[in-house]
N, C-alpha and C. Protein backbone atom coordinates (compact mmCIF):
# COMPACT_ATOMS: atom_id res chain seq x y z
N MET A 1 95.26 52.79 136.41
CA MET A 1 94.42 53.98 136.45
C MET A 1 93.04 53.65 135.91
N ASN A 2 92.03 54.03 136.62
CA ASN A 2 90.66 53.81 136.16
C ASN A 2 90.00 55.14 135.89
N ILE A 3 89.24 55.19 134.81
CA ILE A 3 88.50 56.41 134.47
C ILE A 3 87.21 56.42 135.27
N GLY A 4 86.88 57.54 135.91
CA GLY A 4 85.66 57.64 136.70
C GLY A 4 84.44 57.80 135.82
N TYR A 5 83.28 57.76 136.47
CA TYR A 5 82.01 57.84 135.76
C TYR A 5 81.20 59.02 136.28
N GLY A 6 80.25 59.48 135.55
CA GLY A 6 79.38 60.57 135.93
C GLY A 6 78.42 60.88 134.82
N VAL A 7 78.13 62.13 134.60
CA VAL A 7 77.27 62.53 133.49
C VAL A 7 78.18 63.06 132.38
N ILE A 8 78.04 62.50 131.20
CA ILE A 8 78.79 62.97 130.05
C ILE A 8 77.78 63.45 129.03
N ALA A 9 77.73 64.73 128.79
CA ALA A 9 76.78 65.28 127.83
C ALA A 9 77.57 65.92 126.70
N LEU A 10 77.43 65.37 125.52
CA LEU A 10 78.18 65.86 124.38
C LEU A 10 77.25 66.52 123.38
N VAL A 11 77.60 67.73 122.97
CA VAL A 11 76.87 68.38 121.91
C VAL A 11 77.89 68.59 120.80
N MET A 12 77.75 67.83 119.72
CA MET A 12 78.77 67.90 118.69
C MET A 12 78.18 67.57 117.34
N SER A 13 78.91 67.98 116.33
CA SER A 13 78.61 67.54 114.98
C SER A 13 79.93 67.23 114.31
N CYS A 14 79.94 66.22 113.48
CA CYS A 14 81.17 65.78 112.85
C CYS A 14 80.98 65.75 111.35
N GLY A 15 82.03 65.98 110.64
CA GLY A 15 82.03 65.83 109.20
C GLY A 15 83.16 64.91 108.81
N LEU A 16 83.01 64.18 107.73
CA LEU A 16 84.04 63.26 107.29
C LEU A 16 84.20 63.44 105.79
N SER A 17 85.41 63.71 105.37
CA SER A 17 85.65 63.80 103.93
C SER A 17 86.59 62.69 103.53
N LEU A 18 86.37 62.14 102.38
CA LEU A 18 87.20 61.05 101.90
C LEU A 18 88.46 61.61 101.28
N ALA A 19 89.57 60.93 101.52
CA ALA A 19 90.84 61.34 100.92
C ALA A 19 90.76 61.15 99.41
N SER A 20 91.47 61.98 98.69
CA SER A 20 91.40 61.89 97.24
C SER A 20 91.94 60.56 96.73
N ALA A 21 92.88 59.96 97.47
CA ALA A 21 93.42 58.67 97.04
C ALA A 21 92.35 57.61 97.03
N SER A 22 91.42 57.67 98.01
CA SER A 22 90.39 56.65 98.09
C SER A 22 89.35 56.80 96.98
N ALA A 23 89.29 57.97 96.37
CA ALA A 23 88.33 58.18 95.28
C ALA A 23 88.67 57.32 94.08
N ASN A 24 89.96 57.00 93.94
CA ASN A 24 90.40 56.18 92.81
C ASN A 24 90.33 54.69 93.10
N ALA A 25 90.04 54.32 94.34
CA ALA A 25 90.01 52.91 94.72
C ALA A 25 88.87 52.20 94.01
N SER A 26 89.11 50.93 93.70
CA SER A 26 88.10 50.14 93.02
C SER A 26 87.00 49.74 94.00
N VAL A 27 85.76 49.99 93.66
CA VAL A 27 84.62 49.63 94.51
C VAL A 27 83.94 48.41 93.89
N PRO A 28 83.83 47.32 94.67
CA PRO A 28 83.21 46.13 94.08
C PRO A 28 81.75 46.39 93.74
N LYS A 29 81.30 45.78 92.67
CA LYS A 29 79.92 45.91 92.24
C LYS A 29 79.04 45.03 93.13
N ILE A 30 77.94 45.58 93.63
CA ILE A 30 77.04 44.83 94.48
C ILE A 30 75.97 44.20 93.61
N THR A 31 75.83 42.91 93.75
CA THR A 31 74.86 42.17 92.94
C THR A 31 73.78 41.59 93.83
N ALA A 32 72.76 41.03 93.20
CA ALA A 32 71.67 40.39 93.94
C ALA A 32 72.19 39.24 94.79
N ASP A 33 73.24 38.55 94.33
CA ASP A 33 73.82 37.44 95.10
C ASP A 33 74.38 37.93 96.43
N VAL A 34 74.99 39.11 96.40
CA VAL A 34 75.56 39.66 97.63
C VAL A 34 74.46 39.98 98.63
N PHE A 35 73.38 40.60 98.15
CA PHE A 35 72.28 40.93 99.05
C PHE A 35 71.62 39.67 99.60
N ALA A 36 71.49 38.65 98.79
CA ALA A 36 70.83 37.42 99.22
C ALA A 36 71.60 36.75 100.34
N SER A 37 72.93 36.90 100.37
CA SER A 37 73.72 36.22 101.38
C SER A 37 74.09 37.12 102.56
N ALA A 38 73.61 38.35 102.56
CA ALA A 38 73.96 39.28 103.62
C ALA A 38 73.39 38.82 104.97
N GLU A 39 74.22 38.92 106.01
CA GLU A 39 73.81 38.57 107.37
C GLU A 39 73.74 39.85 108.20
N PRO A 40 72.83 39.90 109.17
CA PRO A 40 72.79 41.09 110.03
C PRO A 40 74.06 41.20 110.86
N VAL A 41 74.47 42.41 111.13
CA VAL A 41 75.64 42.65 111.97
C VAL A 41 75.20 42.60 113.43
N VAL A 42 75.95 41.89 114.24
CA VAL A 42 75.60 41.71 115.64
C VAL A 42 76.74 42.25 116.49
N ILE A 43 76.42 42.99 117.53
CA ILE A 43 77.43 43.47 118.47
C ILE A 43 77.63 42.37 119.50
N ASP A 44 78.88 41.93 119.65
CA ASP A 44 79.22 40.84 120.55
C ASP A 44 78.75 41.14 121.99
N ARG A 45 78.18 40.16 122.63
CA ARG A 45 77.72 40.20 124.03
C ARG A 45 76.60 41.21 124.26
N ALA A 46 75.86 41.57 123.21
CA ALA A 46 74.74 42.52 123.35
C ALA A 46 73.42 41.79 123.16
N ARG A 47 72.42 42.22 123.94
CA ARG A 47 71.07 41.67 123.83
C ARG A 47 70.09 42.82 123.78
N GLN A 48 68.94 42.55 123.16
CA GLN A 48 67.90 43.57 123.03
C GLN A 48 66.69 43.20 123.89
N PHE A 49 66.11 44.20 124.53
CA PHE A 49 64.92 44.04 125.34
C PHE A 49 63.93 45.14 124.95
N ILE A 50 62.66 44.91 125.25
CA ILE A 50 61.64 45.95 125.07
C ILE A 50 61.06 46.24 126.46
N VAL A 51 61.05 47.51 126.84
CA VAL A 51 60.48 47.91 128.13
C VAL A 51 59.38 48.93 127.88
N LYS A 52 58.41 48.97 128.79
CA LYS A 52 57.22 49.81 128.60
C LYS A 52 57.27 51.06 129.47
N ASP A 53 56.78 52.14 128.89
CA ASP A 53 56.51 53.37 129.62
C ASP A 53 55.05 53.71 129.32
N GLY A 54 54.14 53.19 130.14
CA GLY A 54 52.72 53.34 129.86
C GLY A 54 52.39 52.64 128.56
N GLU A 55 51.83 53.38 127.61
CA GLU A 55 51.47 52.79 126.32
C GLU A 55 52.66 52.78 125.35
N ARG A 56 53.75 53.37 125.73
CA ARG A 56 54.93 53.43 124.87
C ARG A 56 55.87 52.25 125.15
N HIS A 57 56.52 51.77 124.10
CA HIS A 57 57.49 50.69 124.22
C HIS A 57 58.83 51.19 123.69
N TYR A 58 59.90 50.90 124.43
CA TYR A 58 61.23 51.35 124.05
C TYR A 58 62.19 50.17 123.97
N GLN A 59 63.11 50.26 123.03
CA GLN A 59 64.14 49.25 122.89
C GLN A 59 65.30 49.57 123.83
N LEU A 60 65.76 48.54 124.55
CA LEU A 60 67.00 48.64 125.32
C LEU A 60 68.00 47.68 124.69
N MET A 61 69.20 48.15 124.46
CA MET A 61 70.27 47.28 124.00
C MET A 61 71.32 47.27 125.11
N ILE A 62 71.62 46.07 125.60
CA ILE A 62 72.52 45.93 126.74
C ILE A 62 73.71 45.07 126.34
N ARG A 63 74.91 45.61 126.55
CA ARG A 63 76.14 44.88 126.24
C ARG A 63 76.88 44.62 127.54
N LEU A 64 77.19 43.35 127.77
CA LEU A 64 77.88 42.95 128.99
C LEU A 64 79.39 42.99 128.79
N PRO A 65 80.14 43.20 129.87
CA PRO A 65 81.60 43.19 129.78
C PRO A 65 82.13 41.81 129.40
N ALA A 66 83.35 41.77 128.90
CA ALA A 66 83.96 40.52 128.44
C ALA A 66 84.05 39.48 129.55
N ASP A 67 84.29 39.91 130.78
CA ASP A 67 84.46 38.93 131.87
C ASP A 67 83.20 38.72 132.71
N TYR A 68 82.05 39.22 132.25
CA TYR A 68 80.83 39.17 133.06
C TYR A 68 80.49 37.75 133.50
N HIS A 69 80.54 36.77 132.62
CA HIS A 69 80.13 35.41 132.95
C HIS A 69 81.24 34.60 133.62
N HIS A 70 82.43 35.19 133.74
CA HIS A 70 83.55 34.50 134.38
C HIS A 70 83.85 35.05 135.77
N ASN A 71 83.11 36.05 136.18
CA ASN A 71 83.38 36.74 137.44
C ASN A 71 82.06 36.95 138.17
N ASN A 72 81.47 35.84 138.65
CA ASN A 72 80.11 35.86 139.19
C ASN A 72 79.91 36.68 140.45
N ALA A 73 80.98 37.03 141.13
CA ALA A 73 80.83 37.79 142.37
C ALA A 73 80.94 39.30 142.14
N HIS A 74 81.39 39.70 140.97
CA HIS A 74 81.66 41.12 140.72
C HIS A 74 80.41 41.88 140.29
N ARG A 75 80.28 43.12 140.78
CA ARG A 75 79.21 44.02 140.35
C ARG A 75 79.84 45.13 139.52
N TYR A 76 79.16 45.49 138.44
CA TYR A 76 79.74 46.36 137.42
C TYR A 76 79.09 47.75 137.39
N PRO A 77 79.89 48.77 137.10
CA PRO A 77 79.32 50.09 136.80
C PRO A 77 78.45 49.97 135.56
N VAL A 78 77.51 50.90 135.40
CA VAL A 78 76.64 50.91 134.23
C VAL A 78 76.77 52.25 133.53
N ILE A 79 76.90 52.19 132.21
CA ILE A 79 76.91 53.40 131.38
C ILE A 79 75.59 53.41 130.60
N TYR A 80 74.71 54.35 130.95
CA TYR A 80 73.43 54.53 130.27
C TYR A 80 73.61 55.55 129.16
N MET A 81 72.99 55.32 128.00
CA MET A 81 73.13 56.26 126.90
C MET A 81 71.84 56.36 126.09
N THR A 82 71.67 57.49 125.43
CA THR A 82 70.52 57.70 124.55
C THR A 82 70.87 57.24 123.14
N ASP A 83 69.89 57.31 122.21
CA ASP A 83 70.12 57.05 120.79
C ASP A 83 70.77 55.69 120.55
N SER A 84 70.13 54.62 121.01
CA SER A 84 70.76 53.30 121.08
C SER A 84 71.40 52.80 119.80
N MET A 85 70.75 52.94 118.67
CA MET A 85 71.29 52.37 117.44
C MET A 85 72.61 53.02 117.04
N TYR A 86 72.79 54.25 117.42
CA TYR A 86 74.03 54.97 117.13
C TYR A 86 75.03 54.78 118.26
N SER A 87 74.59 55.06 119.47
CA SER A 87 75.52 55.17 120.59
C SER A 87 76.14 53.84 121.01
N LEU A 88 75.39 52.74 120.96
CA LEU A 88 75.95 51.47 121.41
C LEU A 88 77.14 51.08 120.55
N GLN A 89 77.04 51.28 119.25
CA GLN A 89 78.16 50.95 118.37
C GLN A 89 79.38 51.82 118.68
N VAL A 90 79.16 53.12 118.84
CA VAL A 90 80.26 54.04 119.09
C VAL A 90 80.91 53.76 120.44
N VAL A 91 80.11 53.67 121.50
CA VAL A 91 80.66 53.49 122.84
C VAL A 91 81.29 52.10 122.99
N SER A 92 80.70 51.08 122.38
CA SER A 92 81.31 49.74 122.42
C SER A 92 82.70 49.78 121.80
N GLY A 93 82.81 50.42 120.64
CA GLY A 93 84.11 50.51 119.98
C GLY A 93 85.11 51.34 120.76
N ALA A 94 84.64 52.47 121.30
CA ALA A 94 85.55 53.39 122.01
C ALA A 94 86.03 52.83 123.34
N THR A 95 85.24 51.97 123.97
CA THR A 95 85.62 51.46 125.30
C THR A 95 86.24 50.07 125.27
N GLN A 96 86.21 49.39 124.15
CA GLN A 96 86.68 48.01 124.11
C GLN A 96 88.14 47.88 124.53
N PHE A 97 89.04 48.64 123.93
CA PHE A 97 90.45 48.55 124.29
C PHE A 97 90.70 49.02 125.72
N PRO A 98 90.20 50.20 126.14
CA PRO A 98 90.46 50.63 127.53
C PRO A 98 89.93 49.64 128.57
N MET A 99 88.75 49.05 128.31
CA MET A 99 88.22 48.07 129.27
C MET A 99 89.04 46.79 129.26
N ASN A 100 89.39 46.29 128.07
CA ASN A 100 90.13 45.04 127.98
C ASN A 100 91.55 45.15 128.51
N SER A 101 92.10 46.36 128.52
CA SER A 101 93.46 46.55 129.03
C SER A 101 93.47 47.15 130.45
N ASN A 102 92.31 47.20 131.09
CA ASN A 102 92.17 47.67 132.47
C ASN A 102 92.58 49.13 132.68
N ILE A 103 92.52 49.92 131.63
CA ILE A 103 92.71 51.36 131.76
C ILE A 103 91.39 51.96 132.26
N MET A 104 90.30 51.33 131.90
CA MET A 104 88.95 51.74 132.28
C MET A 104 88.27 50.54 132.92
N LYS A 105 87.45 50.79 133.92
CA LYS A 105 86.72 49.69 134.56
C LYS A 105 85.80 49.00 133.55
N GLN A 106 85.70 47.68 133.66
CA GLN A 106 84.71 46.94 132.89
C GLN A 106 83.34 47.48 133.30
N ALA A 107 82.46 47.71 132.34
CA ALA A 107 81.14 48.28 132.63
C ALA A 107 80.08 47.65 131.74
N ILE A 108 78.85 47.66 132.22
CA ILE A 108 77.71 47.24 131.43
C ILE A 108 77.22 48.46 130.64
N LEU A 109 77.01 48.29 129.35
CA LEU A 109 76.52 49.38 128.51
C LEU A 109 75.03 49.20 128.28
N VAL A 110 74.26 50.24 128.55
CA VAL A 110 72.80 50.21 128.37
C VAL A 110 72.41 51.35 127.44
N ALA A 111 71.98 51.01 126.24
CA ALA A 111 71.60 52.01 125.24
C ALA A 111 70.07 52.03 125.12
N ILE A 112 69.48 53.19 125.36
CA ILE A 112 68.03 53.36 125.35
C ILE A 112 67.61 53.90 123.98
N GLY A 113 66.73 53.17 123.32
CA GLY A 113 66.29 53.55 121.97
C GLY A 113 65.10 54.48 121.99
N TYR A 114 64.51 54.60 120.82
CA TYR A 114 63.34 55.46 120.65
C TYR A 114 62.07 54.65 120.85
N GLN A 115 60.96 55.34 120.97
CA GLN A 115 59.67 54.66 121.10
C GLN A 115 59.45 53.80 119.86
N LYS A 116 59.10 52.53 120.10
CA LYS A 116 58.84 51.61 118.99
C LYS A 116 57.64 52.11 118.20
N GLY A 117 57.73 51.99 116.88
CA GLY A 117 56.63 52.39 116.02
C GLY A 117 56.62 53.86 115.65
N SER A 118 57.51 54.64 116.26
CA SER A 118 57.58 56.07 115.90
C SER A 118 58.82 56.29 115.07
N LYS A 119 58.84 57.38 114.35
CA LYS A 119 60.07 57.75 113.66
C LYS A 119 61.05 58.22 114.72
N GLY A 120 62.30 57.85 114.55
CA GLY A 120 63.31 58.19 115.56
C GLY A 120 63.35 59.66 115.92
N ALA A 121 63.29 60.53 114.92
CA ALA A 121 63.38 61.96 115.18
C ALA A 121 62.23 62.44 116.07
N ALA A 122 61.03 61.94 115.83
CA ALA A 122 59.87 62.38 116.63
C ALA A 122 60.03 61.97 118.09
N SER A 123 60.48 60.75 118.32
CA SER A 123 60.65 60.26 119.69
C SER A 123 61.76 61.01 120.41
N ARG A 124 62.90 61.18 119.75
CA ARG A 124 64.04 61.81 120.44
C ARG A 124 63.79 63.30 120.69
N VAL A 125 63.17 64.00 119.75
CA VAL A 125 62.88 65.42 119.97
C VAL A 125 61.90 65.58 121.12
N ARG A 126 60.89 64.75 121.18
CA ARG A 126 59.90 64.82 122.26
C ARG A 126 60.53 64.43 123.60
N ASP A 127 61.29 63.34 123.63
CA ASP A 127 61.78 62.78 124.89
C ASP A 127 62.99 63.50 125.46
N TYR A 128 63.81 64.12 124.63
CA TYR A 128 65.07 64.69 125.11
C TYR A 128 65.01 66.19 125.38
N THR A 129 63.89 66.84 125.06
CA THR A 129 63.79 68.29 125.27
C THR A 129 63.00 68.59 126.55
N PRO A 130 63.52 69.51 127.37
CA PRO A 130 62.88 69.78 128.65
C PRO A 130 61.69 70.72 128.62
N SER A 131 61.50 71.47 127.54
CA SER A 131 60.39 72.42 127.53
C SER A 131 59.65 72.36 126.20
N HIS A 132 58.39 72.76 126.25
CA HIS A 132 57.57 72.78 125.04
C HIS A 132 57.90 74.02 124.22
N ASP A 133 58.04 73.83 122.92
CA ASP A 133 58.30 74.94 122.01
C ASP A 133 57.39 74.78 120.80
N ALA A 134 56.38 75.61 120.70
CA ALA A 134 55.38 75.52 119.62
C ALA A 134 55.97 75.82 118.25
N SER A 135 57.15 76.44 118.20
CA SER A 135 57.75 76.77 116.91
C SER A 135 58.40 75.55 116.23
N TRP A 136 58.58 74.47 116.98
CA TRP A 136 59.15 73.25 116.40
C TRP A 136 58.06 72.48 115.66
N THR A 137 58.42 71.84 114.57
CA THR A 137 57.47 71.02 113.82
C THR A 137 57.08 69.79 114.61
N LEU A 138 58.03 69.19 115.32
CA LEU A 138 57.78 67.99 116.11
C LEU A 138 57.45 68.37 117.55
N ASN A 139 56.74 67.49 118.26
CA ASN A 139 56.42 67.73 119.66
C ASN A 139 57.68 67.77 120.50
N THR A 140 57.69 68.63 121.49
CA THR A 140 58.85 68.79 122.38
C THR A 140 58.38 68.78 123.83
N GLY A 141 59.35 68.71 124.74
CA GLY A 141 59.06 69.00 126.14
C GLY A 141 58.70 67.85 127.05
N GLU A 142 59.08 66.61 126.71
CA GLU A 142 58.73 65.49 127.60
C GLU A 142 59.94 64.87 128.28
N ALA A 143 61.00 65.67 128.48
CA ALA A 143 62.19 65.17 129.15
C ALA A 143 61.87 64.70 130.58
N LYS A 144 60.95 65.39 131.25
CA LYS A 144 60.60 65.00 132.63
C LYS A 144 60.03 63.58 132.64
N ARG A 145 59.13 63.28 131.70
CA ARG A 145 58.56 61.93 131.64
C ARG A 145 59.65 60.91 131.30
N HIS A 146 60.54 61.25 130.35
CA HIS A 146 61.56 60.31 129.93
C HIS A 146 62.55 60.04 131.07
N LEU A 147 62.89 61.06 131.83
CA LEU A 147 63.77 60.88 132.99
C LEU A 147 63.10 59.98 134.02
N ARG A 148 61.81 60.18 134.25
CA ARG A 148 61.06 59.33 135.19
C ARG A 148 61.08 57.87 134.70
N PHE A 149 60.91 57.68 133.40
CA PHE A 149 60.95 56.34 132.81
C PHE A 149 62.32 55.69 133.04
N ILE A 150 63.38 56.43 132.83
CA ILE A 150 64.73 55.88 133.04
C ILE A 150 64.93 55.54 134.51
N ARG A 151 64.53 56.45 135.38
CA ARG A 151 64.77 56.23 136.82
C ARG A 151 63.91 55.11 137.39
N HIS A 152 62.64 55.03 137.00
CA HIS A 152 61.71 54.10 137.64
C HIS A 152 61.46 52.82 136.85
N THR A 153 61.89 52.76 135.60
CA THR A 153 61.68 51.55 134.80
C THR A 153 62.98 50.96 134.29
N VAL A 154 63.77 51.77 133.58
CA VAL A 154 64.99 51.24 132.95
C VAL A 154 66.02 50.83 134.00
N MET A 155 66.34 51.71 134.92
CA MET A 155 67.37 51.39 135.91
C MET A 155 66.97 50.21 136.80
N PRO A 156 65.73 50.14 137.31
CA PRO A 156 65.34 48.95 138.09
C PRO A 156 65.39 47.66 137.25
N PHE A 157 65.02 47.73 135.97
CA PHE A 157 65.11 46.56 135.10
C PHE A 157 66.55 46.06 135.02
N VAL A 158 67.47 46.97 134.78
CA VAL A 158 68.89 46.60 134.67
C VAL A 158 69.39 46.05 136.00
N GLU A 159 69.03 46.70 137.10
CA GLU A 159 69.50 46.27 138.42
C GLU A 159 68.92 44.92 138.82
N GLN A 160 67.72 44.60 138.36
CA GLN A 160 67.09 43.32 138.69
C GLN A 160 67.70 42.17 137.90
N HIS A 161 68.10 42.41 136.66
CA HIS A 161 68.53 41.32 135.78
C HIS A 161 70.04 41.17 135.65
N PHE A 162 70.81 42.15 136.09
CA PHE A 162 72.26 42.09 135.93
C PHE A 162 72.96 42.50 137.22
N ARG A 163 74.18 42.05 137.39
CA ARG A 163 74.96 42.38 138.58
C ARG A 163 75.59 43.76 138.40
N VAL A 164 74.98 44.76 139.00
CA VAL A 164 75.45 46.14 138.82
C VAL A 164 75.87 46.75 140.15
N ASP A 165 76.78 47.69 140.06
CA ASP A 165 77.17 48.52 141.20
C ASP A 165 76.30 49.77 141.13
N THR A 166 75.28 49.83 141.95
CA THR A 166 74.31 50.93 141.87
C THR A 166 74.91 52.28 142.26
N GLN A 167 76.13 52.29 142.78
CA GLN A 167 76.79 53.54 143.15
C GLN A 167 77.62 54.10 142.00
N GLN A 168 77.67 53.38 140.87
CA GLN A 168 78.47 53.85 139.73
C GLN A 168 77.66 53.79 138.45
N ASN A 169 76.84 54.81 138.25
CA ASN A 169 76.04 54.95 137.04
C ASN A 169 76.51 56.17 136.28
N THR A 170 76.67 56.02 134.98
CA THR A 170 77.10 57.11 134.12
C THR A 170 76.04 57.35 133.06
N PHE A 171 75.85 58.60 132.68
CA PHE A 171 74.95 58.92 131.58
C PHE A 171 75.76 59.53 130.45
N VAL A 172 75.50 59.09 129.22
CA VAL A 172 76.16 59.63 128.04
C VAL A 172 75.09 60.05 127.04
N GLY A 173 75.15 61.27 126.57
CA GLY A 173 74.21 61.74 125.57
C GLY A 173 74.91 62.60 124.54
N ASN A 174 74.46 62.53 123.31
CA ASN A 174 75.04 63.28 122.20
C ASN A 174 73.96 64.16 121.57
N SER A 175 74.29 65.40 121.24
CA SER A 175 73.38 66.31 120.57
C SER A 175 72.14 66.54 121.46
N LEU A 176 70.94 66.21 121.01
CA LEU A 176 69.77 66.36 121.88
C LEU A 176 69.90 65.47 123.12
N GLY A 177 70.59 64.35 122.98
CA GLY A 177 70.87 63.51 124.15
C GLY A 177 71.76 64.23 125.15
N GLY A 178 72.65 65.12 124.65
CA GLY A 178 73.46 65.95 125.52
C GLY A 178 72.63 66.98 126.25
N LEU A 179 71.64 67.55 125.55
CA LEU A 179 70.71 68.47 126.19
C LEU A 179 69.95 67.73 127.29
N PHE A 180 69.51 66.51 126.99
CA PHE A 180 68.82 65.71 127.99
C PHE A 180 69.74 65.43 129.18
N GLY A 181 71.02 65.15 128.90
CA GLY A 181 71.99 64.92 129.97
C GLY A 181 72.14 66.13 130.89
N ALA A 182 72.15 67.33 130.30
CA ALA A 182 72.23 68.55 131.11
C ALA A 182 70.98 68.69 131.97
N TYR A 183 69.82 68.35 131.41
CA TYR A 183 68.57 68.38 132.16
C TYR A 183 68.63 67.39 133.33
N VAL A 184 69.13 66.19 133.07
CA VAL A 184 69.26 65.17 134.13
C VAL A 184 70.16 65.70 135.24
N LEU A 185 71.28 66.30 134.87
CA LEU A 185 72.23 66.82 135.86
C LEU A 185 71.59 67.89 136.75
N LEU A 186 70.76 68.74 136.15
CA LEU A 186 70.11 69.79 136.93
C LEU A 186 68.95 69.28 137.77
N GLU A 187 68.17 68.33 137.24
CA GLU A 187 66.97 67.86 137.93
C GLU A 187 67.24 66.73 138.93
N GLN A 188 68.17 65.83 138.59
CA GLN A 188 68.47 64.68 139.44
C GLN A 188 69.98 64.53 139.58
N PRO A 189 70.65 65.47 140.24
CA PRO A 189 72.11 65.48 140.25
C PRO A 189 72.76 64.26 140.90
N THR A 190 72.03 63.51 141.71
CA THR A 190 72.63 62.34 142.35
C THR A 190 72.27 61.03 141.66
N LEU A 191 71.49 61.09 140.60
CA LEU A 191 71.08 59.85 139.92
C LEU A 191 72.26 59.16 139.25
N PHE A 192 73.16 59.96 138.68
CA PHE A 192 74.38 59.43 138.08
C PHE A 192 75.54 59.97 138.91
N ASN A 193 76.52 59.11 139.16
CA ASN A 193 77.54 59.41 140.15
C ASN A 193 78.89 59.69 139.52
N LEU A 194 79.63 60.57 140.16
CA LEU A 194 81.01 60.81 139.79
C LEU A 194 81.89 59.97 140.71
N SER A 195 82.89 59.34 140.15
CA SER A 195 83.77 58.50 140.95
C SER A 195 85.19 58.61 140.41
N SER A 196 86.14 58.72 141.28
CA SER A 196 87.53 58.75 140.83
C SER A 196 88.17 57.37 140.93
N GLY A 197 87.38 56.38 141.37
CA GLY A 197 87.90 55.02 141.59
C GLY A 197 88.13 54.31 140.40
């Protein structure tokens, strides 16, 4: 059984409380030696790129399927997502077992970040909202431009550099990214495809 692809727009908030048993657990003391030896965490098979939208630069994080380099003739579905620093970790973890056990099709994950040099909140509020609202502290209403950037810059970049099945594109967004996903569905309903295959 394979899970199909399409537009997935999630609007959610989560809370996590620690169990009382864990409150009594011993927490190791962090010293300067620990910080000095700390290594950055890397997501396996993921690479980072910078793509331009006019004067703006955005980070793309792309994770290839486990069999990508062993299956040179195969073209892969692509899952595009917003909020790259958050979403790539979550979606990589959530899809690893289903993809590796063939419950879900192997797919290329493409996580689109915020404008480089801006605070994340300013970029995401501006880029993921479809209309201008003067009551917000941050600028809003540039979803049309961001959608154009994804359609005319991000997707062609991915299609040019990786073996993709252009008929199987999925969009995943959370919170304001979910609002953006709803906007995408209404404005460009055929850009991301539903498939039962």
